[in-house]
Amino acid sequence: MHGPVTHVLGYPVQRWAWGITGIEGSGYKAGFALAAIINVPLVVWAADIFWRAVDIPSVRFAKWLESKLIV
């Protein structure tokens, strides 16, 4: 999930963070850290939603299908 979240939300958050800290000297690193504090929880949250909404039902369906097709 890090790719889609980074492209949709991460880059705008990064630009916002650098708007606050600046990009010169240590401001660059501070902006990166500020954005990471926001982006990492967003990635974990999106991964949890994907796991619950897509992964678990997919595994459940695959197990059901296997039980129907196995001899």
Protein backbone atom coordinates (compact mmCIF):
# COMPACT_ATOMS: atom_id res chain seq x y z
CA MET A 1 0.00 0.00 0.00
CA HIS A 2 2.93 2.36 0.31
CA GLY A 3 2.98 3.12 -3.42
CA PRO A 4 -0.62 4.28 -3.86
CA VAL A 5 -0.68 6.13 -0.53
CA THR A 6 2.62 7.84 -1.26
CA HIS A 7 1.51 8.97 -4.71
CA VAL A 8 -1.95 10.13 -3.67
CA LEU A 9 -1.32 11.57 -0.20
CA GLY A 10 2.40 11.37 0.52
CA TYR A 11 3.71 13.80 -2.07
CA PRO A 12 1.23 16.56 -1.17
CA VAL A 13 1.99 16.06 2.52
CA GLN A 14 5.71 16.25 1.74
CA ARG A 15 5.29 19.52 -0.16
CA TRP A 16 3.20 20.88 2.74
CA ALA A 17 5.86 19.86 5.26
CA TRP A 18 8.64 21.48 3.24
CA GLY A 19 6.47 24.59 2.98
CA ILE A 20 6.61 24.78 6.76
CA THR A 21 10.26 23.83 7.31
CA GLY A 22 11.86 24.99 4.08
CA ILE A 23 14.20 22.93 1.93
CA GLU A 24 17.51 24.58 2.77
CA GLY A 25 19.93 23.00 5.24
CA SER A 26 18.39 21.09 8.10
CA GLY A 27 14.88 22.21 7.06
CA TYR A 28 14.96 19.59 4.32
CA LYS A 29 15.48 16.79 6.84
CA ALA A 30 12.97 18.29 9.28
CA GLY A 31 10.34 18.46 6.53
CA PHE A 32 11.05 14.87 5.59
CA ALA A 33 10.66 13.79 9.23
CA LEU A 34 7.45 15.80 9.65
CA ALA A 35 5.96 14.23 6.53
CA ALA A 36 7.04 10.76 7.66
CA ILE A 37 5.26 11.25 10.99
CA ILE A 38 2.06 11.78 9.00
CA ASN A 39 2.62 9.39 6.08
CA VAL A 40 3.69 6.27 7.97
CA PRO A 41 0.44 6.01 9.96
CA LEU A 42 -1.53 6.68 6.75
CA VAL A 43 0.22 3.76 5.03
CA VAL A 44 -0.39 1.43 7.99
CA TRP A 45 -4.05 2.50 8.16
CA ALA A 46 -4.58 1.98 4.41
CA ALA A 47 -2.86 -1.43 4.59
CA ASP A 48 -5.16 -2.45 7.45
CA ILE A 49 -8.25 -1.41 5.48
CA PHE A 50 -7.01 -3.29 2.40
CA TRP A 51 -6.28 -6.37 4.50
CA ARG A 52 -9.75 -6.35 6.05
CA ALA A 53 -11.70 -5.42 2.90
CA VAL A 54 -9.80 -7.33 0.20
CA ASP A 55 -7.27 -9.82 1.52
CA ILE A 56 -9.39 -11.63 4.12
CA PRO A 57 -12.41 -12.07 1.79
CA SER A 58 -10.10 -13.21 -1.03
CA VAL A 59 -8.50 -15.87 1.14
CA ARG A 60 -11.90 -16.96 2.41
CA PHE A 61 -13.20 -17.27 -1.17
CA ALA A 62 -10.09 -19.18 -2.29
CA LYS A 63 -10.51 -21.66 0.57
CA TRP A 64 -14.20 -22.09 -0.30
CA LEU A 65 -13.40 -22.61 -3.98
CA GLU A 66 -10.68 -25.09 -3.15
CA SER A 67 -13.09 -27.09 -0.99
CA LYS A 68 -15.53 -27.28 -3.91
CA LEU A 69 -12.93 -28.27 -6.49
CA ILE A 70 -10.85 -30.75 -4.48
CA VAL A 71 -11.57 -34.38 -5.12
